[in-house]
């Protein structure tokens, strides 16, 4: 009984529509609106966020930390965020985490010494630089748990002797080099 009722209903209501004809010459083209509101992601945008120098064996946490760090840095440097109070506060905090100490030369021919210390909290870096008898720097990257020490000394007019040591939980690397400028 049900089946007969559905068939009757189909014949009475839907069959006249099944024979409908469309005149192509009077049909308007379908216009799909272009989305100009949603921001487009490009390969360059992805490269700014996803680190391309990942190393085999990096932990998931380390990779996620690097992605999060790059994302936050990109966000803080965006035009929309530059004028906000939180970015101004972050920049003021960065400036307060810098200190320079200068010890002037005791005589005309003496050597003055300068120590520069800064903490880049949002990049998890601590830096100490020295200039005086020689040029030196110590950088500690908290996120990567890595230390980089470098000492440079001018040996000739345009040549510097460079000694560096890089250390992290997996390796220690010491290098001696000669750099020149022309």
Foldseek 3Di string as FASTA:
>chain_A
DVVVVVVVVCVVPVPVVVPDDDDVVPDDDDDDDDDPPDDDDDPVNVCQQQPPPDDPPDDPVLRVVSNVLSVVVVVCPDPVNVPDPVSVVLVVVQVVQKDKDKADAPDPPGWIKIWIWGANPSQQKTKIWMDTQWTKIWMARPSQQKIKIKTWDDDDDFKIWMWMWMDHPPDIDIDIDIDGDD
